[in-house]
Amino acid sequence: MEETGQYSVLICDDSPMVRKHLRETVTLIGAGSVYEAKNGCEAVEVCRQHRPQIVIMDIIMPVKDGIQALKEIVRMAPETKVIMVSSAGTDIHLKKTILLGAFDTIQKPISEIIIRDIVTRAMLETAGSTTS
């Protein structure tokens, strides 16, 4: 594990299996606190309460989709790195999320190597912007 320090992550996906897989991956690469949400409403509330440094969020979810939640999270906590995840065939949604302030995008099926790379980059960029 790299010496990048502990960081907090919110995983938001309506699939419990996806959340479990992502939790295992981010824990292995150094996440200290990992929060979970199953829809955009929960994601916004978790961000409000816990201010995670990184959010990994699906676009297509019930109650409130990832695009609406992204808009609220970026407004509330612009320093949070939001990584958007989408199913195949929704490239247009992924491009839109970058314009709305997402840090990066990932297309399903989620590759562990890609998650590690993007989360590590987000973590390093967050650490670089919070030099104390």
Protein backbone atom coordinates (compact mmCIF):
# COMPACT_ATOMS: atom_id res chain seq x y z
CA MET A 1 0.00 0.00 0.00
CA GLU A 2 1.28 3.46 -0.88
CA GLU A 3 1.97 6.10 1.77
CA THR A 4 -0.88 8.37 0.80
CA GLY A 5 -2.62 8.47 4.17
CA GLN A 6 -6.15 7.69 5.19
CA TYR A 7 -9.02 9.14 3.22
CA SER A 8 -12.78 8.79 3.25
CA VAL A 9 -14.91 7.40 0.44
CA LEU A 10 -18.64 7.25 -0.22
CA ILE A 11 -19.80 4.44 -2.49
CA CYS A 12 -23.23 5.03 -3.98
CA ASP A 13 -24.85 2.32 -6.09
CA ASP A 14 -28.25 0.64 -5.91
CA SER A 15 -26.55 -2.78 -6.22
CA PRO A 16 -25.35 -4.26 -2.90
CA MET A 17 -22.88 -6.45 -4.83
CA VAL A 18 -21.30 -3.44 -6.56
CA ARG A 19 -21.04 -1.60 -3.24
CA LYS A 20 -19.38 -4.62 -1.61
CA HIS A 21 -16.85 -4.99 -4.46
CA LEU A 22 -15.99 -1.28 -4.41
CA ARG A 23 -15.72 -1.24 -0.60
CA GLU A 24 -13.19 -4.10 -0.73
CA THR A 25 -11.18 -2.36 -3.45
CA VAL A 26 -10.98 1.08 -1.81
CA THR A 27 -10.20 -0.48 1.58
CA LEU A 28 -7.27 -2.36 0.05
CA ILE A 29 -5.84 0.87 -1.35
CA GLY A 30 -6.04 2.80 1.90
CA ALA A 31 -9.50 4.20 2.54
CA GLY A 32 -9.91 4.89 6.23
CA SER A 33 -13.66 5.50 6.31
CA VAL A 34 -16.01 3.99 3.75
CA TYR A 35 -19.66 5.06 3.65
CA GLU A 36 -22.42 3.57 1.52
CA ALA A 37 -25.60 4.87 -0.07
CA LYS A 38 -28.10 3.14 -2.34
CA ASN A 39 -29.48 6.21 -4.14
CA GLY A 40 -28.72 9.86 -4.81
CA CYS A 41 -30.77 11.16 -1.87
CA GLU A 42 -28.76 9.04 0.57
CA ALA A 43 -25.52 10.09 -1.14
CA VAL A 44 -26.26 13.80 -0.69
CA GLU A 45 -27.16 13.23 2.98
CA VAL A 46 -23.99 11.19 3.66
CA CYS A 47 -21.92 13.94 2.01
CA ARG A 48 -23.63 16.56 4.14
CA GLN A 49 -22.95 14.62 7.36
CA HIS A 50 -19.51 13.09 6.73
CA ARG A 51 -17.84 15.15 3.97
CA PRO A 52 -16.05 12.24 2.26
CA GLN A 53 -13.07 13.22 0.13
CA ILE A 54 -14.01 10.85 -2.70
CA VAL A 55 -17.43 9.73 -3.95
CA ILE A 56 -17.89 6.81 -6.37
CA MET A 57 -21.45 7.06 -7.67
CA ASP A 58 -23.61 5.28 -10.19
CA ILE A 59 -25.64 7.42 -12.58
CA ILE A 60 -28.78 5.31 -12.96
CA MET A 61 -30.44 4.81 -9.56
CA PRO A 62 -33.91 5.01 -8.05
CA VAL A 63 -35.23 7.97 -5.99
CA LYS A 64 -32.57 10.46 -7.21
CA ASP A 65 -30.16 9.67 -10.02
CA GLY A 66 -26.43 10.26 -9.89
CA ILE A 67 -26.56 13.35 -12.10
CA GLN A 68 -28.93 15.19 -9.73
CA ALA A 69 -26.89 14.06 -6.72
CA LEU A 70 -23.64 15.16 -8.44
CA LYS A 71 -25.03 18.67 -8.94
CA GLU A 72 -25.94 18.92 -5.25
CA ILE A 73 -22.64 17.47 -4.01
CA VAL A 74 -20.56 19.78 -6.22
CA ARG A 75 -22.54 22.78 -4.95
CA MET A 76 -22.25 21.71 -1.32
CA ALA A 77 -18.66 20.40 -1.31
CA PRO A 78 -16.75 21.44 -4.45
CA GLU A 79 -13.51 19.97 -3.07
CA THR A 80 -15.00 16.43 -3.09
CA LYS A 81 -13.73 14.26 -5.95
CA VAL A 82 -16.78 12.59 -7.52
CA ILE A 83 -16.16 9.59 -9.77
CA MET A 84 -19.23 8.69 -11.82
CA VAL A 85 -20.03 5.14 -12.90
CA SER A 86 -22.38 4.16 -15.70
CA SER A 87 -23.56 1.13 -17.62
CA ALA A 88 -22.58 0.48 -21.21
CA GLY A 89 -24.42 2.61 -23.73
CA THR A 90 -24.63 5.73 -21.57
CA ASP A 91 -21.54 7.57 -22.83
CA ILE A 92 -23.55 10.75 -23.23
CA HIS A 93 -24.35 10.69 -19.49
CA LEU A 94 -20.67 10.25 -18.62
CA LYS A 95 -19.66 13.24 -20.74
CA LYS A 96 -22.38 15.34 -19.13
CA THR A 97 -21.12 14.48 -15.63
CA ILE A 98 -17.63 15.80 -16.46
CA LEU A 99 -19.19 19.10 -17.56
CA LEU A 100 -21.11 19.17 -14.26
CA GLY A 101 -17.95 18.79 -12.17
CA ALA A 102 -17.21 15.07 -11.87
CA PHE A 103 -13.55 14.25 -11.30
CA ASP A 104 -13.63 11.26 -13.66
CA THR A 105 -15.89 8.55 -15.07
CA ILE A 106 -15.87 4.77 -15.20
CA GLN A 107 -17.96 2.50 -17.37
CA LYS A 108 -19.37 -0.80 -16.06
CA PRO A 109 -18.29 -3.52 -15.72
CA ILE A 110 -15.95 -1.92 -13.19
CA SER A 111 -12.33 -2.94 -13.51
CA GLU A 112 -10.46 -3.12 -10.21
CA ILE A 113 -7.32 -1.75 -11.89
CA ILE A 114 -9.17 1.29 -13.23
CA ILE A 115 -10.80 1.95 -9.84
CA ARG A 116 -7.39 1.75 -8.15
CA ASP A 117 -5.85 4.16 -10.66
CA ILE A 118 -8.63 6.75 -10.52
CA VAL A 119 -9.09 6.62 -6.74
CA THR A 120 -5.32 6.85 -6.19
CA ARG A 121 -5.15 9.86 -8.52
CA ALA A 122 -8.10 11.51 -6.74
CA MET A 123 -6.55 10.80 -3.36
CA LEU A 124 -3.18 12.26 -4.39
CA GLU A 125 -4.83 15.34 -5.89
CA THR A 126 -6.86 15.82 -2.69
CA ALA A 127 -3.72 15.46 -0.56
CA GLY A 128 -1.91 17.97 -2.78
CA SER A 129 -4.67 20.53 -2.42
CA THR A 130 -4.80 20.24 1.37
CA THR A 131 -1.17 20.87 2.26
CA SER A 132 -1.03 21.87 5.90
